[in-house]
N, C-alpha and C. Protein backbone atom coordinates (compact mmCIF):
# COMPACT_ATOMS: atom_id res chain seq x y z
N MET A 1 13.11 -8.72 6.37
CA MET A 1 11.73 -9.15 6.47
C MET A 1 11.65 -10.54 7.09
N ARG A 2 12.57 -11.39 6.71
CA ARG A 2 12.58 -12.74 7.27
C ARG A 2 12.71 -12.69 8.79
N PHE A 3 13.58 -11.79 9.29
CA PHE A 3 13.75 -11.65 10.73
C PHE A 3 12.43 -11.26 11.40
N GLN A 4 11.71 -10.30 10.81
CA GLN A 4 10.45 -9.86 11.38
C GLN A 4 9.42 -10.98 11.42
N ILE A 5 9.39 -11.80 10.37
CA ILE A 5 8.45 -12.93 10.34
C ILE A 5 8.80 -13.93 11.43
N GLU A 6 10.09 -14.28 11.54
CA GLU A 6 10.52 -15.23 12.56
C GLU A 6 10.30 -14.67 13.96
N LYS A 7 10.52 -13.36 14.12
CA LYS A 7 10.30 -12.71 15.42
C LYS A 7 8.85 -12.83 15.86
N ARG A 8 7.95 -12.85 14.92
CA ARG A 8 6.52 -12.94 15.23
C ARG A 8 6.01 -14.37 15.22
N GLY A 9 6.90 -15.32 15.32
CA GLY A 9 6.47 -16.70 15.44
C GLY A 9 6.59 -17.50 14.16
N GLY A 10 7.15 -16.93 13.11
CA GLY A 10 7.36 -17.67 11.88
C GLY A 10 6.10 -17.99 11.11
N GLN A 11 5.01 -17.34 11.42
CA GLN A 11 3.76 -17.60 10.70
C GLN A 11 3.86 -17.09 9.28
N ARG A 12 3.21 -17.79 8.38
CA ARG A 12 3.19 -17.35 7.00
C ARG A 12 2.23 -16.17 6.86
N LEU A 13 2.64 -15.23 6.06
CA LEU A 13 1.79 -14.07 5.79
C LEU A 13 1.07 -14.29 4.48
N THR A 14 -0.19 -13.95 4.46
CA THR A 14 -0.95 -13.96 3.22
C THR A 14 -1.22 -12.50 2.88
N VAL A 15 -0.56 -12.03 1.84
CA VAL A 15 -0.70 -10.64 1.43
C VAL A 15 -1.65 -10.58 0.24
N ARG A 16 -2.61 -9.67 0.31
CA ARG A 16 -3.58 -9.50 -0.77
C ARG A 16 -3.46 -8.07 -1.31
N PRO A 17 -2.63 -7.87 -2.34
CA PRO A 17 -2.50 -6.51 -2.89
C PRO A 17 -3.66 -6.17 -3.82
N GLU A 18 -4.03 -4.91 -3.84
CA GLU A 18 -5.05 -4.41 -4.77
C GLU A 18 -4.56 -3.06 -5.29
N PHE A 19 -4.95 -2.75 -6.55
CA PHE A 19 -4.53 -1.50 -7.16
C PHE A 19 -5.72 -0.82 -7.80
N THR A 20 -5.82 0.51 -7.63
CA THR A 20 -6.90 1.30 -8.21
C THR A 20 -6.27 2.45 -8.98
N HIS A 21 -6.62 2.58 -10.26
CA HIS A 21 -6.09 3.65 -11.09
C HIS A 21 -6.84 4.94 -10.76
N VAL A 22 -6.11 5.99 -10.41
CA VAL A 22 -6.71 7.27 -10.05
C VAL A 22 -6.04 8.35 -10.90
N GLY A 23 -6.77 8.97 -11.78
CA GLY A 23 -6.17 9.97 -12.64
C GLY A 23 -5.30 9.35 -13.71
N GLU A 24 -4.61 10.20 -14.43
CA GLU A 24 -3.82 9.72 -15.56
C GLU A 24 -2.52 9.04 -15.14
N HIS A 25 -1.90 9.53 -14.07
CA HIS A 25 -0.58 9.02 -13.68
C HIS A 25 -0.52 8.54 -12.23
N ARG A 26 -1.65 8.27 -11.59
CA ARG A 26 -1.65 7.87 -10.18
C ARG A 26 -2.35 6.53 -9.99
N ILE A 27 -1.79 5.75 -9.08
CA ILE A 27 -2.36 4.46 -8.71
C ILE A 27 -2.35 4.39 -7.18
N ILE A 28 -3.46 3.94 -6.61
CA ILE A 28 -3.50 3.67 -5.17
C ILE A 28 -3.33 2.16 -5.02
N GLY A 29 -2.30 1.78 -4.29
CA GLY A 29 -2.07 0.37 -4.00
C GLY A 29 -2.36 0.10 -2.54
N SER A 30 -2.92 -1.05 -2.27
CA SER A 30 -3.16 -1.42 -0.87
C SER A 30 -2.69 -2.86 -0.67
N SER A 31 -2.19 -3.10 0.52
CA SER A 31 -1.76 -4.44 0.90
C SER A 31 -2.44 -4.79 2.21
N GLU A 32 -3.01 -5.97 2.26
CA GLU A 32 -3.71 -6.42 3.47
C GLU A 32 -3.12 -7.75 3.90
N TRP A 33 -2.89 -7.89 5.20
CA TRP A 33 -2.40 -9.15 5.72
C TRP A 33 -2.85 -9.30 7.15
N THR A 34 -2.69 -10.50 7.67
CA THR A 34 -3.01 -10.78 9.05
C THR A 34 -1.71 -10.92 9.82
N GLY A 35 -1.55 -10.13 10.84
CA GLY A 35 -0.34 -10.16 11.64
C GLY A 35 -0.29 -11.37 12.54
N ALA A 36 0.83 -11.52 13.24
CA ALA A 36 1.05 -12.68 14.10
C ALA A 36 0.01 -12.77 15.21
N GLU A 37 -0.48 -11.64 15.67
CA GLU A 37 -1.49 -11.64 16.74
C GLU A 37 -2.89 -11.89 16.20
N GLY A 38 -3.00 -12.13 14.89
CA GLY A 38 -4.30 -12.36 14.28
C GLY A 38 -5.02 -11.08 13.90
N ARG A 39 -4.33 -9.96 14.03
CA ARG A 39 -4.93 -8.66 13.72
C ARG A 39 -4.74 -8.34 12.24
N ARG A 40 -5.81 -7.88 11.60
CA ARG A 40 -5.77 -7.50 10.18
C ARG A 40 -5.05 -6.16 10.06
N GLU A 41 -4.12 -6.08 9.11
CA GLU A 41 -3.39 -4.84 8.88
C GLU A 41 -3.50 -4.47 7.41
N VAL A 42 -3.68 -3.18 7.15
CA VAL A 42 -3.79 -2.68 5.78
C VAL A 42 -2.90 -1.45 5.66
N ARG A 43 -2.19 -1.35 4.56
CA ARG A 43 -1.37 -0.18 4.26
C ARG A 43 -1.72 0.30 2.85
N TYR A 44 -1.66 1.61 2.64
CA TYR A 44 -2.01 2.21 1.35
C TYR A 44 -0.83 3.04 0.85
N GLN A 45 -0.60 2.99 -0.45
CA GLN A 45 0.44 3.77 -1.09
C GLN A 45 -0.13 4.43 -2.34
N VAL A 46 0.24 5.70 -2.55
CA VAL A 46 -0.14 6.39 -3.78
C VAL A 46 1.12 6.43 -4.65
N LEU A 47 1.04 5.79 -5.81
CA LEU A 47 2.17 5.72 -6.73
C LEU A 47 1.97 6.70 -7.87
N THR A 48 3.01 7.43 -8.22
CA THR A 48 3.00 8.30 -9.38
C THR A 48 3.85 7.64 -10.45
N ILE A 49 3.26 7.47 -11.63
CA ILE A 49 3.92 6.76 -12.73
C ILE A 49 4.22 7.74 -13.86
N GLU A 50 5.44 7.72 -14.34
CA GLU A 50 5.83 8.49 -15.53
C GLU A 50 6.78 7.64 -16.35
N ASN A 51 6.55 7.58 -17.64
CA ASN A 51 7.38 6.79 -18.55
C ASN A 51 7.51 5.34 -18.07
N ASP A 52 6.38 4.76 -17.63
CA ASP A 52 6.32 3.37 -17.17
C ASP A 52 7.21 3.08 -15.97
N GLN A 53 7.52 4.08 -15.16
CA GLN A 53 8.32 3.90 -13.95
C GLN A 53 7.67 4.62 -12.78
N ILE A 54 7.85 4.08 -11.59
CA ILE A 54 7.38 4.74 -10.38
C ILE A 54 8.35 5.87 -10.06
N VAL A 55 7.86 7.10 -10.05
CA VAL A 55 8.72 8.24 -9.76
C VAL A 55 8.46 8.82 -8.37
N ASP A 56 7.34 8.41 -7.73
CA ASP A 56 7.06 8.88 -6.38
C ASP A 56 6.13 7.88 -5.72
N MET A 57 6.30 7.70 -4.40
CA MET A 57 5.42 6.82 -3.64
C MET A 57 5.16 7.48 -2.29
N GLN A 58 3.89 7.64 -1.96
CA GLN A 58 3.49 8.26 -0.70
C GLN A 58 2.70 7.25 0.11
N GLY A 59 3.14 6.96 1.31
CA GLY A 59 2.41 6.04 2.19
C GLY A 59 1.31 6.76 2.93
N CYS A 60 0.17 6.11 3.10
CA CYS A 60 -0.98 6.69 3.79
C CYS A 60 -1.56 5.65 4.75
N GLY A 61 -2.08 6.13 5.87
CA GLY A 61 -2.62 5.23 6.88
C GLY A 61 -4.01 4.72 6.60
N THR A 62 -4.78 5.48 5.80
CA THR A 62 -6.15 5.07 5.50
C THR A 62 -6.43 5.26 4.01
N LEU A 63 -7.44 4.57 3.53
CA LEU A 63 -7.84 4.72 2.13
C LEU A 63 -8.29 6.15 1.87
N ARG A 64 -9.00 6.73 2.81
CA ARG A 64 -9.48 8.10 2.65
C ARG A 64 -8.31 9.08 2.48
N ASP A 65 -7.25 8.90 3.28
CA ASP A 65 -6.07 9.75 3.15
C ASP A 65 -5.40 9.54 1.79
N ALA A 66 -5.33 8.30 1.34
CA ALA A 66 -4.71 7.99 0.04
C ALA A 66 -5.50 8.63 -1.09
N GLU A 67 -6.82 8.53 -1.04
CA GLU A 67 -7.65 9.14 -2.08
C GLU A 67 -7.50 10.66 -2.08
N ARG A 68 -7.47 11.24 -0.89
CA ARG A 68 -7.31 12.69 -0.77
C ARG A 68 -5.96 13.14 -1.35
N PHE A 69 -4.89 12.41 -1.01
CA PHE A 69 -3.57 12.76 -1.54
C PHE A 69 -3.53 12.61 -3.05
N ALA A 70 -4.10 11.54 -3.58
CA ALA A 70 -4.08 11.29 -5.03
C ALA A 70 -4.83 12.39 -5.78
N ARG A 71 -5.97 12.82 -5.26
CA ARG A 71 -6.73 13.90 -5.90
C ARG A 71 -5.98 15.21 -5.83
N ARG A 72 -5.39 15.51 -4.70
CA ARG A 72 -4.66 16.77 -4.53
C ARG A 72 -3.42 16.79 -5.42
N ALA A 73 -2.76 15.66 -5.58
CA ALA A 73 -1.53 15.58 -6.37
C ALA A 73 -1.81 15.66 -7.87
N THR A 74 -3.03 15.32 -8.30
CA THR A 74 -3.34 15.33 -9.74
C THR A 74 -3.72 16.71 -10.24
N ARG A 75 -3.96 17.65 -9.37
CA ARG A 75 -4.36 18.99 -9.79
C ARG A 75 -3.20 19.80 -10.28
């Protein structure tokens, strides 16, 4: 990660994570940051939790995709 930051000019990243509880065992996590070019980037992950541990993580490109996956996975 350090290499990628230095490659992009060594700018500091400000990451703003957010988490939304979906269903009994699912959480949607999102991370937002500003890239070196000044472009806002957001990534979404659907986490499945069992016994206080992450047992599965699915990356999604949009919040809508993450919500759809979380709903489908809880059925």
